[in-house]
C-alpha atoms as a PDB file:
ATOM      1  CA  UNK A   1     302.418  25.269  25.728  1.00  0.00           C
ATOM      2  CA  UNK A   2     302.524  28.964  24.928  1.00  0.00           C
ATOM      3  CA  UNK A   3     303.836  31.114  27.753  1.00  0.00           C
ATOM      4  CA  UNK A   4     305.483  34.364  26.673  1.00  0.00           C
ATOM      5  CA  UNK A   5     307.263  36.390  29.340  1.00  0.00           C
ATOM      6  CA  UNK A   6     305.233  39.181  30.905  1.00  0.00           C
ATOM      7  CA  UNK A   7     306.353  42.649  29.839  1.00  0.00           C
ATOM      8  CA  UNK A   8     308.453  44.520  32.372  1.00  0.00           C
ATOM      9  CA  UNK A   9     306.478  47.650  33.310  1.00  0.00           C
ATOM     10  CA  UNK A  10     308.523  50.659  32.228  1.00  0.00           C
ATOM     11  CA  UNK A  11     308.100  52.508  35.527  1.00  0.00           C
ATOM     12  CA  UNK A  12     309.324  49.474  37.502  1.00  0.00           C
ATOM     13  CA  UNK A  13     312.206  48.936  35.089  1.00  0.00           C
ATOM     14  CA  UNK A  14     313.358  52.557  35.333  1.00  0.00           C
ATOM     15  CA  UNK A  15     313.091  52.415  39.137  1.00  0.00           C
ATOM     16  CA  UNK A  16     315.075  49.132  39.077  1.00  0.00           C
ATOM     17  CA  UNK A  17     312.279  47.404  40.973  1.00  0.00           C
ATOM     18  CA  UNK A  18     312.544  43.630  40.962  1.00  0.00           C
ATOM     19  CA  UNK A  19     310.563  40.770  42.425  1.00  0.00           C
ATOM     20  CA  UNK A  20     309.079  37.320  42.117  1.00  0.00           C
ATOM     21  CA  UNK A  21     305.369  36.797  41.530  1.00  0.00           C
ATOM     22  CA  UNK A  22     303.893  33.378  42.354  1.00  0.00           C
ATOM     23  CA  UNK A  23     300.543  32.569  40.777  1.00  0.00           C
ATOM     24  CA  UNK A  24     298.131  29.654  40.939  1.00  0.00           C
ATOM     25  CA  UNK A  25     296.493  28.913  37.590  1.00  0.00           C
ATOM     26  CA  UNK A  26     293.517  26.778  36.712  1.00  0.00           C
ATOM     27  CA  UNK A  27     294.293  24.971  33.461  1.00  0.00           C
ATOM     28  CA  UNK A  28     291.030  24.083  31.721  1.00  0.00           C
ATOM     29  CA  UNK A  29     290.289  21.014  29.624  1.00  0.00           C
ATOM     30  CA  UNK A  30     291.150  22.891  26.411  1.00  0.00           C
ATOM     31  CA  UNK A  31     294.503  24.075  27.810  1.00  0.00           C
ATOM     32  CA  UNK A  32     293.355  27.661  28.350  1.00  0.00           C
ATOM     33  CA  UNK A  33     293.906  29.375  31.685  1.00  0.00           C
ATOM     34  CA  UNK A  34     290.734  29.834  33.728  1.00  0.00           C
ATOM     35  CA  UNK A  35     290.989  31.352  37.182  1.00  0.00           C
ATOM     36  CA  UNK A  36     294.221  32.967  38.347  1.00  0.00           C
ATOM     37  CA  UNK A  37     295.130  33.610  41.976  1.00  0.00           C
ATOM     38  CA  UNK A  38     298.007  35.616  43.377  1.00  0.00           C
ATOM     39  CA  UNK A  39     299.788  33.227  45.742  1.00  0.00           C
ATOM     40  CA  UNK A  40     302.715  35.532  46.524  1.00  0.00           C
ATOM     41  CA  UNK A  41     303.117  39.179  45.633  1.00  0.00           C
ATOM     42  CA  UNK A  42     306.360  40.680  44.410  1.00  0.00           C
ATOM     43  CA  UNK A  43     305.439  43.702  46.589  1.00  0.00           C
ATOM     44  CA  UNK A  44     305.527  45.827  43.414  1.00  0.00           C
ATOM     45  CA  UNK A  45     301.963  46.265  42.174  1.00  0.00           C
ATOM     46  CA  UNK A  46     302.882  46.868  38.530  1.00  0.00           C
ATOM     47  CA  UNK A  47     304.913  43.620  38.401  1.00  0.00           C
ATOM     48  CA  UNK A  48     302.021  41.661  39.917  1.00  0.00           C
ATOM     49  CA  UNK A  49     299.564  43.191  37.432  1.00  0.00           C
ATOM     50  CA  UNK A  50     301.802  42.441  34.446  1.00  0.00           C
ATOM     51  CA  UNK A  51     302.185  38.808  35.505  1.00  0.00           C
ATOM     52  CA  UNK A  52     298.450  38.366  36.147  1.00  0.00           C
ATOM     53  CA  UNK A  53     297.440  39.896  32.807  1.00  0.00           C
ATOM     54  CA  UNK A  54     299.953  37.875  30.813  1.00  0.00           C
ATOM     55  CA  UNK A  55     299.307  34.394  32.240  1.00  0.00           C
ATOM     56  CA  UNK A  56     295.608  34.690  31.432  1.00  0.00           C
ATOM     57  CA  UNK A  57     296.655  34.410  27.754  1.00  0.00           C
ATOM     58  CA  UNK A  58     298.895  31.359  28.208  1.00  0.00           C
ATOM     59  CA  UNK A  59     298.011  27.954  26.712  1.00  0.00           C
ATOM     60  CA  UNK A  60     298.936  24.546  28.116  1.00  0.00           C
ATOM     61  CA  UNK A  61     298.612  20.938  27.118  1.00  0.00           C
ATOM     62  CA  UNK A  62     295.662  19.755  29.217  1.00  0.00           C
ATOM     63  CA  UNK A  63     296.215  17.259  32.015  1.00  0.00           C
ATOM     64  CA  UNK A  64     294.943  13.705  31.848  1.00  0.00           C
ATOM     65  CA  UNK A  65     293.817  11.423  34.618  1.00  0.00           C
ATOM     66  CA  UNK A  66     292.779   7.876  33.854  1.00  0.00           C
ATOM     67  CA  UNK A  67     292.770   8.669  30.135  1.00  0.00           C
ATOM     68  CA  UNK A  68     290.353  11.572  30.627  1.00  0.00           C
ATOM     69  CA  UNK A  69     291.244  15.229  30.096  1.00  0.00           C
ATOM     70  CA  UNK A  70     290.783  17.116  33.362  1.00  0.00           C
ATOM     71  CA  UNK A  71     291.143  20.588  34.834  1.00  0.00           C
ATOM     72  CA  UNK A  72     294.097  21.119  37.120  1.00  0.00           C
ATOM     73  CA  UNK A  73     295.637  23.808  39.283  1.00  0.00           C
ATOM     74  CA  UNK A  74     299.310  24.585  38.853  1.00  0.00           C
ATOM     75  CA  UNK A  75     301.687  27.048  40.481  1.00  0.00           C
ATOM     76  CA  UNK A  76     304.019  29.239  38.433  1.00  0.00           C
ATOM     77  CA  UNK A  77     306.740  31.611  39.496  1.00  0.00           C
ATOM     78  CA  UNK A  78     307.674  34.657  37.426  1.00  0.00           C
ATOM     79  CA  UNK A  79     310.891  36.502  38.187  1.00  0.00           C
ATOM     80  CA  UNK A  80     311.340  40.113  37.174  1.00  0.00           C
ATOM     81  CA  UNK A  81     315.021  41.069  37.136  1.00  0.00           C
ATOM     82  CA  UNK A  82     316.316  44.284  35.603  1.00  0.00           C
ATOM     83  CA  UNK A  83     319.583  42.655  34.465  1.00  0.00           C
ATOM     84  CA  UNK A  84     317.757  39.933  32.489  1.00  0.00           C
ATOM     85  CA  UNK A  85     315.759  42.365  30.337  1.00  0.00           C
END
């Protein structure tokens, strides 16, 4: 799996804005991310946008069901904290 952290938007970082973004991702048969849905907003638009843009580039090991590779939906949570950057 390749899942680099989303960049902290500079304006949000300087304003010390923090939040958690929860996303639902469709993991395709090749491990790429297909559709992405915002399940829970951080209430800071720039944090939400950074998370959405970044996860579209992530790669996963595809899921298997009955020995067959299948699409699946997963939920991920991304925390933006000023102190951790």
